Amino acid sequence: MNRGIEEKLGRLKEIFGSMGRVLVAFSGGVDSTLLLKVAQDTLGDKNVLAATALSPLYPERELSGAKKLVQTIGARHRLIESNELKIPGFSKNPPNRCYYCKRKLFRELLTIATEESIRFVVEGSTLDDDKDHRPGRLAIQELDIRSPLKEAGFTKGEIRELSKALGLSTWDKPSFACLASRFPYGEEITEDGLRKVGESEDFLYELGFKQVRVRHYGNLARIEILKEEIERLMNDSLREKVENRLREIGYTYVTLDLQGFRSGSMNEVLG
């Protein structure tokens, strides 16, 4: 671990030390796992609470992984029910969809924090998150949610390096965004659509693909996988297997994006 990362880790610990008690918005991803680990190590059991949303926007494998990670870290954990499809305006899928979601979620977390006599709610944004379309950041700012990783100056790459040094299993975990991000802006997000996306991605992960997105266009699925894995999918028998399974799930047309996986590809239409 290089000196720069060590200095940022020291800064992160100082930030937590100044807070005293924190509620960590915990998804089980690379960023929030490091955030929870350092908070727990710095503040101890009684001063840290992890909170995870039970939501149709997140597949069961993500929730199961989050639970195991919290147990490994040794933090207290609260699960909250969340159905974003009931938020007015969310299911219509406007470009600022994430604002509605984050505002509802963090309001609920603030309520829990008040009940627990916790002053600060923290989340895992980093410096790199400012480079993409992130309307949820506005809700975070409006509600005074803290982003300690960003405050300490961490980039995504540095978080992975530090996670590896600390022995966290998430250090090389593929990035994940909620299933709503698979729908083109303006196309309604439905429970059935979320089911199709979730089942399709589960199947591709079961086949051993490392990074997967199934973009949902009504009866058409656009598959994104890593460029180096495209040749494998083009094998006749495997391609047919994928096509048949996604048709069973409910898609009429199954396509492969030749550009390969790229995070936030739905934002390309926003310029």
C-alpha atoms as a PDB file:
ATOM      1  CA  MET A   1       0.000   0.000   0.000  1.00  0.00           C
ATOM      2  CA  ASN A   2       1.534   3.315  -1.052  1.00  0.00           C
ATOM      3  CA  ARG A   3       2.100   6.285   1.198  1.00  0.00           C
ATOM      4  CA  GLY A   4      -0.655   8.346  -0.408  1.00  0.00           C
ATOM      5  CA  ILE A   5      -3.294   5.725   0.386  1.00  0.00           C
ATOM      6  CA  GLU A   6      -1.987   5.373   3.952  1.00  0.00           C
ATOM      7  CA  GLU A   7      -2.359   9.129   4.407  1.00  0.00           C
ATOM      8  CA  LYS A   8      -5.906   9.059   3.072  1.00  0.00           C
ATOM      9  CA  LEU A   9      -6.751   6.157   5.381  1.00  0.00           C
ATOM     10  CA  GLY A  10      -5.472   8.221   8.302  1.00  0.00           C
ATOM     11  CA  ARG A  11      -7.626  11.129   7.140  1.00  0.00           C
ATOM     12  CA  LEU A  12     -10.664   8.831   6.875  1.00  0.00           C
ATOM     13  CA  LYS A  13     -10.154   7.615  10.433  1.00  0.00           C
ATOM     14  CA  GLU A  14      -9.892  11.216  11.640  1.00  0.00           C
ATOM     15  CA  ILE A  15     -13.187  12.032   9.897  1.00  0.00           C
ATOM     16  CA  PHE A  16     -14.922   9.135  11.628  1.00  0.00           C
ATOM     17  CA  GLY A  17     -13.318  10.066  14.926  1.00  0.00           C
ATOM     18  CA  SER A  18     -14.771  13.556  14.679  1.00  0.00           C
ATOM     19  CA  MET A  19     -18.247  12.127  14.035  1.00  0.00           C
ATOM     20  CA  GLY A  20     -18.342   9.811  17.037  1.00  0.00           C
ATOM     21  CA  ARG A  21     -21.320   7.693  15.910  1.00  0.00           C
ATOM     22  CA  VAL A  22     -22.426   6.895  12.340  1.00  0.00           C
ATOM     23  CA  LEU A  23     -25.086   5.084  10.366  1.00  0.00           C
ATOM     24  CA  VAL A  24     -23.576   3.615   7.191  1.00  0.00           C
ATOM     25  CA  ALA A  25     -25.755   3.259   4.084  1.00  0.00           C
ATOM     26  CA  PHE A  26     -24.556  -0.217   3.179  1.00  0.00           C
ATOM     27  CA  SER A  27     -25.078  -1.922  -0.187  1.00  0.00           C
ATOM     28  CA  GLY A  28     -22.317  -4.520   0.031  1.00  0.00           C
ATOM     29  CA  GLY A  29     -20.368  -2.986  -2.837  1.00  0.00           C
ATOM     30  CA  VAL A  30     -16.659  -2.179  -2.854  1.00  0.00           C
ATOM     31  CA  ASP A  31     -17.049   1.376  -1.558  1.00  0.00           C
ATOM     32  CA  SER A  32     -19.608   0.892   1.208  1.00  0.00           C
ATOM     33  CA  THR A  33     -17.786  -2.225   2.457  1.00  0.00           C
ATOM     34  CA  LEU A  34     -14.552  -0.306   2.942  1.00  0.00           C
ATOM     35  CA  LEU A  35     -16.506   2.543   4.518  1.00  0.00           C
ATOM     36  CA  LEU A  36     -18.132   0.194   7.029  1.00  0.00           C
ATOM     37  CA  LYS A  37     -14.885  -1.642   7.784  1.00  0.00           C
ATOM     38  CA  VAL A  38     -12.954   1.542   8.616  1.00  0.00           C
ATOM     39  CA  ALA A  39     -15.878   2.972  10.599  1.00  0.00           C
ATOM     40  CA  GLN A  40     -16.157  -0.216  12.642  1.00  0.00           C
ATOM     41  CA  ASP A  41     -12.404  -0.403  13.271  1.00  0.00           C
ATOM     42  CA  THR A  42     -12.279   3.260  14.262  1.00  0.00           C
ATOM     43  CA  LEU A  43     -15.438   3.684  16.341  1.00  0.00           C
ATOM     44  CA  GLY A  44     -16.284   0.214  17.651  1.00  0.00           C
ATOM     45  CA  ASP A  45     -19.472  -1.871  17.887  1.00  0.00           C
ATOM     46  CA  LYS A  46     -21.770   0.506  19.760  1.00  0.00           C
ATOM     47  CA  ASN A  47     -21.053   3.509  17.559  1.00  0.00           C
ATOM     48  CA  VAL A  48     -21.643   2.036  14.096  1.00  0.00           C
ATOM     49  CA  LEU A  49     -24.853   0.822  12.464  1.00  0.00           C
ATOM     50  CA  ALA A  50     -25.100  -0.512   8.904  1.00  0.00           C
ATOM     51  CA  ALA A  51     -28.436  -0.176   7.098  1.00  0.00           C
ATOM     52  CA  THR A  52     -29.432  -1.992   3.911  1.00  0.00           C
ATOM     53  CA  ALA A  53     -32.607  -1.599   1.849  1.00  0.00           C
ATOM     54  CA  LEU A  54     -34.727  -4.601   0.855  1.00  0.00           C
ATOM     55  CA  SER A  55     -35.744  -3.506  -2.625  1.00  0.00           C
ATOM     56  CA  PRO A  56     -36.993  -4.969  -5.927  1.00  0.00           C
ATOM     57  CA  LEU A  57     -34.179  -2.983  -7.534  1.00  0.00           C
ATOM     58  CA  TYR A  58     -31.541  -5.278  -6.025  1.00  0.00           C
ATOM     59  CA  PRO A  59     -31.278  -9.041  -6.684  1.00  0.00           C
ATOM     60  CA  GLU A  60     -31.191 -11.556  -3.861  1.00  0.00           C
ATOM     61  CA  ARG A  61     -27.521 -12.341  -4.472  1.00  0.00           C
ATOM     62  CA  GLU A  62     -26.600  -8.746  -3.553  1.00  0.00           C
ATOM     63  CA  LEU A  63     -28.628  -8.799  -0.334  1.00  0.00           C
ATOM     64  CA  SER A  64     -27.205 -12.177   0.681  1.00  0.00           C
ATOM     65  CA  GLY A  65     -23.685 -10.918   0.052  1.00  0.00           C
ATOM     66  CA  ALA A  66     -24.319  -7.749   2.056  1.00  0.00           C
ATOM     67  CA  LYS A  67     -25.534  -9.740   5.067  1.00  0.00           C
ATOM     68  CA  LYS A  68     -22.428 -11.947   5.046  1.00  0.00           C
ATOM     69  CA  LEU A  69     -20.106  -8.964   4.779  1.00  0.00           C
ATOM     70  CA  VAL A  70     -21.676  -7.212   7.772  1.00  0.00           C
ATOM     71  CA  GLN A  71     -21.314 -10.398   9.816  1.00  0.00           C
ATOM     72  CA  THR A  72     -17.654 -10.704   8.809  1.00  0.00           C
ATOM     73  CA  ILE A  73     -16.945  -7.079   9.729  1.00  0.00           C
ATOM     74  CA  GLY A  74     -18.866  -7.508  12.994  1.00  0.00           C
ATOM     75  CA  ALA A  75     -21.133  -4.476  12.726  1.00  0.00           C
ATOM     76  CA  ARG A  76     -24.746  -4.097  13.778  1.00  0.00           C
ATOM     77  CA  HIS A  77     -27.148  -4.341  10.855  1.00  0.00           C
ATOM     78  CA  ARG A  78     -30.653  -3.046  10.106  1.00  0.00           C
ATOM     79  CA  LEU A  79     -32.717  -4.027   7.063  1.00  0.00           C
ATOM     80  CA  ILE A  80     -35.394  -1.644   5.826  1.00  0.00           C
ATOM     81  CA  GLU A  81     -38.238  -2.309   3.397  1.00  0.00           C
ATOM     82  CA  SER A  82     -38.081  -0.136   0.306  1.00  0.00           C
ATOM     83  CA  ASN A  83     -40.190  -0.224  -2.863  1.00  0.00           C
ATOM     84  CA  GLU A  84     -39.027   2.546  -5.138  1.00  0.00           C
ATOM     85  CA  LEU A  85     -41.771   1.790  -7.681  1.00  0.00           C
ATOM     86  CA  LYS A  86     -44.219   3.439  -5.273  1.00  0.00           C
ATOM     87  CA  ILE A  87     -42.315   6.734  -5.265  1.00  0.00           C
ATOM     88  CA  PRO A  88     -44.240   9.294  -7.372  1.00  0.00           C
ATOM     89  CA  GLY A  89     -42.349   9.904 -10.592  1.00  0.00           C
ATOM     90  CA  PHE A  90     -39.759   7.152 -10.168  1.00  0.00           C
ATOM     91  CA  SER A  91     -41.263   4.430 -12.375  1.00  0.00           C
ATOM     92  CA  LYS A  92     -41.616   6.892 -15.283  1.00  0.00           C
ATOM     93  CA  ASN A  93     -37.819   6.759 -15.377  1.00  0.00           C
ATOM     94  CA  PRO A  94     -36.806  10.397 -15.968  1.00  0.00           C
ATOM     95  CA  PRO A  95     -33.067  11.232 -16.200  1.00  0.00           C
ATOM     96  CA  ASN A  96     -33.162  12.396 -12.558  1.00  0.00           C
ATOM     97  CA  ARG A  97     -34.749   9.130 -11.382  1.00  0.00           C
ATOM     98  CA  CYS A  98     -31.989   8.500  -8.841  1.00  0.00           C
ATOM     99  CA  TYR A  99     -32.804  11.753  -7.073  1.00  0.00           C
ATOM    100  CA  TYR A 100     -36.250  10.449  -6.053  1.00  0.00           C
ATOM    101  CA  CYS A 101     -34.790   7.138  -4.891  1.00  0.00           C
ATOM    102  CA  LYS A 102     -31.917   8.601  -2.861  1.00  0.00           C
ATOM    103  CA  ARG A 103     -34.094  11.247  -1.254  1.00  0.00           C
ATOM    104  CA  LYS A 104     -36.576   8.651   0.010  1.00  0.00           C
ATOM    105  CA  LEU A 105     -33.863   6.248   1.172  1.00  0.00           C
ATOM    106  CA  PHE A 106     -31.788   8.801   3.058  1.00  0.00           C
ATOM    107  CA  ARG A 107     -34.831  10.349   4.708  1.00  0.00           C
ATOM    108  CA  GLU A 108     -35.609   6.901   6.110  1.00  0.00           C
ATOM    109  CA  LEU A 109     -32.011   6.443   7.215  1.00  0.00           C
ATOM    110  CA  LEU A 110     -32.058   9.813   8.954  1.00  0.00           C
ATOM    111  CA  THR A 111     -35.159   8.724  10.869  1.00  0.00           C
ATOM    112  CA  ILE A 112     -33.408   5.526  11.985  1.00  0.00           C
ATOM    113  CA  ALA A 113     -30.327   7.511  12.955  1.00  0.00           C
ATOM    114  CA  THR A 114     -32.448   9.806  15.135  1.00  0.00           C
ATOM    115  CA  GLU A 115     -34.025   6.775  16.837  1.00  0.00           C
ATOM    116  CA  GLU A 116     -30.535   5.418  17.532  1.00  0.00           C
ATOM    117  CA  SER A 117     -29.178   8.776  18.740  1.00  0.00           C
ATOM    118  CA  ILE A 118     -26.764   8.833  15.796  1.00  0.00           C
ATOM    119  CA  ARG A 119     -25.959  12.251  14.420  1.00  0.00           C
ATOM    120  CA  PHE A 120     -24.380  11.335  11.072  1.00  0.00           C
ATOM    121  CA  VAL A 121     -25.528   9.227   8.118  1.00  0.00           C
ATOM    122  CA  VAL A 122     -22.685   8.390   5.734  1.00  0.00           C
ATOM    123  CA  GLU A 123     -22.530   6.909   2.234  1.00  0.00           C
ATOM    124  CA  GLY A 124     -19.830   5.629  -0.117  1.00  0.00           C
ATOM    125  CA  SER A 125     -19.419   8.179  -2.917  1.00  0.00           C
ATOM    126  CA  THR A 126     -15.867   8.795  -4.143  1.00  0.00           C
ATOM    127  CA  LEU A 127     -14.071  11.409  -6.231  1.00  0.00           C
ATOM    128  CA  ASP A 128     -14.778   9.370  -9.378  1.00  0.00           C
ATOM    129  CA  ASP A 129     -18.539   9.606  -8.887  1.00  0.00           C
ATOM    130  CA  ASP A 130     -18.435  13.261  -9.929  1.00  0.00           C
ATOM    131  CA  LYS A 131     -17.400  12.192 -13.442  1.00  0.00           C
ATOM    132  CA  ASP A 132     -20.749  10.575 -14.338  1.00  0.00           C
ATOM    133  CA  HIS A 133     -24.417  11.582 -14.342  1.00  0.00           C
ATOM    134  CA  ARG A 134     -25.322  11.249 -10.640  1.00  0.00           C
ATOM    135  CA  PRO A 135     -28.600  13.048  -9.848  1.00  0.00           C
ATOM    136  CA  GLY A 136     -28.707  11.269  -6.480  1.00  0.00           C
ATOM    137  CA  ARG A 137     -25.890  13.529  -5.352  1.00  0.00           C
ATOM    138  CA  LEU A 138     -28.357  16.415  -5.103  1.00  0.00           C
ATOM    139  CA  ALA A 139     -30.458  14.504  -2.556  1.00  0.00           C
ATOM    140  CA  ILE A 140     -27.312  13.678  -0.584  1.00  0.00           C
ATOM    141  CA  GLN A 141     -26.373  17.357  -0.468  1.00  0.00           C
ATOM    142  CA  GLU A 142     -29.886  18.535   0.409  1.00  0.00           C
ATOM    143  CA  LEU A 143     -30.123  16.139   3.363  1.00  0.00           C
ATOM    144  CA  ASP A 144     -26.579  16.783   4.653  1.00  0.00           C
ATOM    145  CA  ILE A 145     -25.493  13.166   4.202  1.00  0.00           C
ATOM    146  CA  ARG A 146     -21.726  12.799   4.601  1.00  0.00           C
ATOM    147  CA  SER A 147     -19.413  11.107   2.060  1.00  0.00           C
ATOM    148  CA  PRO A 148     -16.246  10.327   4.054  1.00  0.00           C
ATOM    149  CA  LEU A 149     -14.426   8.503   1.232  1.00  0.00           C
ATOM    150  CA  LYS A 150     -14.803  11.513  -0.991  1.00  0.00           C
ATOM    151  CA  GLU A 151     -13.865  13.885   1.833  1.00  0.00           C
ATOM    152  CA  ALA A 152     -10.685  11.874   2.400  1.00  0.00           C
ATOM    153  CA  GLY A 153      -9.831  12.099  -1.316  1.00  0.00           C
ATOM    154  CA  PHE A 154     -10.250   8.450  -2.362  1.00  0.00           C
ATOM    155  CA  THR A 155     -10.595   7.305  -5.970  1.00  0.00           C
ATOM    156  CA  LYS A 156     -12.152   3.959  -6.987  1.00  0.00           C
ATOM    157  CA  GLY A 157      -8.757   2.438  -7.736  1.00  0.00           C
ATOM    158  CA  GLU A 158      -7.376   3.448  -4.357  1.00  0.00           C
ATOM    159  CA  ILE A 159     -10.400   1.964  -2.599  1.00  0.00           C
ATOM    160  CA  ARG A 160      -9.806  -1.380  -4.305  1.00  0.00           C
ATOM    161  CA  GLU A 161      -6.118  -1.287  -3.391  1.00  0.00           C
ATOM    162  CA  LEU A 162      -6.860  -0.464   0.250  1.00  0.00           C
ATOM    163  CA  SER A 163      -9.623  -3.088   0.393  1.00  0.00           C
ATOM    164  CA  LYS A 164      -7.155  -5.717  -0.782  1.00  0.00           C
ATOM    165  CA  ALA A 165      -4.590  -4.627   1.809  1.00  0.00           C
ATOM    166  CA  LEU A 166      -7.242  -4.894   4.542  1.00  0.00           C
ATOM    167  CA  GLY A 167      -8.250  -8.387   3.421  1.00  0.00           C
ATOM    168  CA  LEU A 168     -11.739  -7.444   2.224  1.00  0.00           C
ATOM    169  CA  SER A 169     -13.230  -9.956  -0.216  1.00  0.00           C
ATOM    170  CA  THR A 170     -14.871  -7.135  -2.161  1.00  0.00           C
ATOM    171  CA  TRP A 171     -11.579  -5.661  -3.380  1.00  0.00           C
ATOM    172  CA  ASP A 172     -12.115  -7.139  -6.866  1.00  0.00           C
ATOM    173  CA  LYS A 173     -15.913  -7.335  -6.835  1.00  0.00           C
ATOM    174  CA  PRO A 174     -17.426  -6.128 -10.127  1.00  0.00           C
ATOM    175  CA  SER A 175     -19.240  -2.810  -9.964  1.00  0.00           C
ATOM    176  CA  PHE A 176     -23.003  -3.010  -9.568  1.00  0.00           C
ATOM    177  CA  ALA A 177     -25.795  -0.487 -10.045  1.00  0.00           C
ATOM    178  CA  CYS A 178     -29.462  -1.010  -9.220  1.00  0.00           C
ATOM    179  CA  LEU A 179     -31.586  -2.823 -11.797  1.00  0.00           C
ATOM    180  CA  ALA A 180     -33.460   0.380 -12.657  1.00  0.00           C
ATOM    181  CA  SER A 181     -30.293   1.498 -14.477  1.00  0.00           C
ATOM    182  CA  ARG A 182     -30.968  -1.186 -17.103  1.00  0.00           C
ATOM    183  CA  PHE A 183     -33.989   0.714 -18.498  1.00  0.00           C
ATOM    184  CA  PRO A 184     -33.583   3.506 -21.095  1.00  0.00           C
ATOM    185  CA  TYR A 185     -34.761   6.868 -19.794  1.00  0.00           C
ATOM    186  CA  GLY A 186     -38.458   7.378 -20.447  1.00  0.00           C
ATOM    187  CA  GLU A 187     -39.332   3.666 -20.534  1.00  0.00           C
ATOM    188  CA  GLU A 188     -41.462   2.714 -17.558  1.00  0.00           C
ATOM    189  CA  ILE A 189     -39.821   0.586 -14.878  1.00  0.00           C
ATOM    190  CA  THR A 190     -42.106  -2.318 -13.944  1.00  0.00           C
ATOM    191  CA  GLU A 191     -41.895  -5.268 -11.578  1.00  0.00           C
ATOM    192  CA  ASP A 192     -42.011  -7.659 -14.533  1.00  0.00           C
ATOM    193  CA  GLY A 193     -39.222  -5.796 -16.285  1.00  0.00           C
ATOM    194  CA  LEU A 194     -37.077  -5.881 -13.156  1.00  0.00           C
ATOM    195  CA  ARG A 195     -37.749  -9.614 -12.852  1.00  0.00           C
ATOM    196  CA  LYS A 196     -36.620 -10.232 -16.434  1.00  0.00           C
ATOM    197  CA  VAL A 197     -33.430  -8.239 -15.970  1.00  0.00           C
ATOM    198  CA  GLY A 198     -32.625  -9.873 -12.626  1.00  0.00           C
ATOM    199  CA  GLU A 199     -33.187 -13.432 -13.832  1.00  0.00           C
ATOM    200  CA  SER A 200     -31.240 -12.821 -17.043  1.00  0.00           C
ATOM    201  CA  GLU A 201     -28.225 -11.391 -15.232  1.00  0.00           C
ATOM    202  CA  ASP A 202     -28.321 -14.168 -12.624  1.00  0.00           C
ATOM    203  CA  PHE A 203     -28.165 -16.715 -15.458  1.00  0.00           C
ATOM    204  CA  LEU A 204     -25.183 -15.034 -17.115  1.00  0.00           C
ATOM    205  CA  TYR A 205     -23.312 -14.830 -13.817  1.00  0.00           C
ATOM    206  CA  GLU A 206     -24.026 -18.529 -13.248  1.00  0.00           C
ATOM    207  CA  LEU A 207     -22.355 -19.206 -16.593  1.00  0.00           C
ATOM    208  CA  GLY A 208     -19.201 -17.585 -15.232  1.00  0.00           C
ATOM    209  CA  PHE A 209     -19.240 -14.151 -16.879  1.00  0.00           C
ATOM    210  CA  LYS A 210     -17.452 -11.663 -14.615  1.00  0.00           C
ATOM    211  CA  GLN A 211     -19.261  -8.403 -15.407  1.00  0.00           C
ATOM    212  CA  VAL A 212     -22.807  -8.350 -16.767  1.00  0.00           C
ATOM    213  CA  ARG A 213     -25.530  -5.900 -17.694  1.00  0.00           C
ATOM    214  CA  VAL A 214     -28.785  -6.825 -19.445  1.00  0.00           C
ATOM    215  CA  ARG A 215     -30.292  -3.608 -20.777  1.00  0.00           C
ATOM    216  CA  HIS A 216     -34.077  -3.795 -21.071  1.00  0.00           C
ATOM    217  CA  TYR A 217     -35.959  -2.449 -24.106  1.00  0.00           C
ATOM    218  CA  GLY A 218     -39.438  -3.933 -23.756  1.00  0.00           C
ATOM    219  CA  ASN A 219     -39.236  -7.293 -25.502  1.00  0.00           C
ATOM    220  CA  LEU A 220     -35.561  -6.825 -26.453  1.00  0.00           C
ATOM    221  CA  ALA A 221     -32.539  -7.546 -24.231  1.00  0.00           C
ATOM    222  CA  ARG A 222     -29.148  -5.952 -24.960  1.00  0.00           C
ATOM    223  CA  ILE A 223     -26.348  -7.870 -23.247  1.00  0.00           C
ATOM    224  CA  GLU A 224     -23.173  -6.116 -22.124  1.00  0.00           C
ATOM    225  CA  ILE A 225     -20.220  -8.236 -21.011  1.00  0.00           C
ATOM    226  CA  LEU A 226     -16.477  -7.561 -20.865  1.00  0.00           C
ATOM    227  CA  LYS A 227     -14.888  -7.300 -24.327  1.00  0.00           C
ATOM    228  CA  GLU A 228     -12.513 -10.147 -23.561  1.00  0.00           C
ATOM    229  CA  GLU A 229     -15.494 -12.422 -22.861  1.00  0.00           C
ATOM    230  CA  ILE A 230     -17.418 -11.683 -26.062  1.00  0.00           C
ATOM    231  CA  GLU A 231     -15.625 -14.392 -28.035  1.00  0.00           C
ATOM    232  CA  ARG A 232     -16.621 -16.973 -25.446  1.00  0.00           C
ATOM    233  CA  LEU A 233     -20.289 -16.005 -25.713  1.00  0.00           C
ATOM    234  CA  MET A 234     -20.112 -16.303 -29.494  1.00  0.00           C
ATOM    235  CA  ASN A 235     -19.489 -20.043 -29.184  1.00  0.00           C
ATOM    236  CA  ASP A 236     -22.471 -21.586 -30.967  1.00  0.00           C
ATOM    237  CA  SER A 237     -23.671 -23.839 -28.152  1.00  0.00           C
ATOM    238  CA  LEU A 238     -23.279 -21.210 -25.425  1.00  0.00           C
ATOM    239  CA  ARG A 239     -24.860 -18.482 -27.540  1.00  0.00           C
ATOM    240  CA  GLU A 240     -27.851 -20.720 -28.194  1.00  0.00           C
ATOM    241  CA  LYS A 241     -28.110 -21.569 -24.507  1.00  0.00           C
ATOM    242  CA  VAL A 242     -28.192 -17.886 -23.565  1.00  0.00           C
ATOM    243  CA  GLU A 243     -30.687 -17.033 -26.278  1.00  0.00           C
ATOM    244  CA  ASN A 244     -33.040 -19.847 -25.255  1.00  0.00           C
ATOM    245  CA  ARG A 245     -32.894 -18.972 -21.552  1.00  0.00           C
ATOM    246  CA  LEU A 246     -33.583 -15.273 -22.086  1.00  0.00           C
ATOM    247  CA  ARG A 247     -36.491 -16.182 -24.344  1.00  0.00           C
ATOM    248  CA  GLU A 248     -37.864 -18.380 -21.550  1.00  0.00           C
ATOM    249  CA  ILE A 249     -37.543 -15.428 -19.178  1.00  0.00           C
ATOM    250  CA  GLY A 250     -39.696 -13.344 -21.519  1.00  0.00           C
ATOM    251  CA  TYR A 251     -37.596 -11.600 -24.159  1.00  0.00           C
ATOM    252  CA  THR A 252     -38.435 -11.946 -27.844  1.00  0.00           C
ATOM    253  CA  TYR A 253     -35.125 -10.574 -29.116  1.00  0.00           C
ATOM    254  CA  VAL A 254     -31.692 -11.124 -27.571  1.00  0.00           C
ATOM    255  CA  THR A 255     -28.784  -8.942 -28.718  1.00  0.00           C
ATOM    256  CA  LEU A 256     -25.095  -8.517 -27.800  1.00  0.00           C
ATOM    257  CA  ASP A 257     -23.516  -5.054 -27.517  1.00  0.00           C
ATOM    258  CA  LEU A 258     -20.235  -5.218 -29.460  1.00  0.00           C
ATOM    259  CA  GLN A 259     -18.796  -2.296 -27.480  1.00  0.00           C
ATOM    260  CA  GLY A 260     -18.824  -4.502 -24.403  1.00  0.00           C
ATOM    261  CA  PHE A 261     -19.605  -3.576 -20.811  1.00  0.00           C
ATOM    262  CA  ARG A 262     -19.311   0.037 -19.760  1.00  0.00           C
ATOM    263  CA  SER A 263     -20.723   1.477 -16.572  1.00  0.00           C
ATOM    264  CA  GLY A 264     -23.514   3.998 -17.097  1.00  0.00           C
ATOM    265  CA  SER A 265     -24.002   3.260 -20.804  1.00  0.00           C
ATOM    266  CA  MET A 266     -27.627   4.403 -20.543  1.00  0.00           C
ATOM    267  CA  ASN A 267     -26.297   7.905 -19.833  1.00  0.00           C
ATOM    268  CA  GLU A 268     -24.673   8.119 -23.276  1.00  0.00           C
ATOM    269  CA  VAL A 269     -27.910   9.496 -24.728  1.00  0.00           C
ATOM    270  CA  LEU A 270     -27.654  12.443 -22.315  1.00  0.00           C
ATOM    271  CA  GLY A 271     -24.518  13.734 -24.034  1.00  0.00           C
END
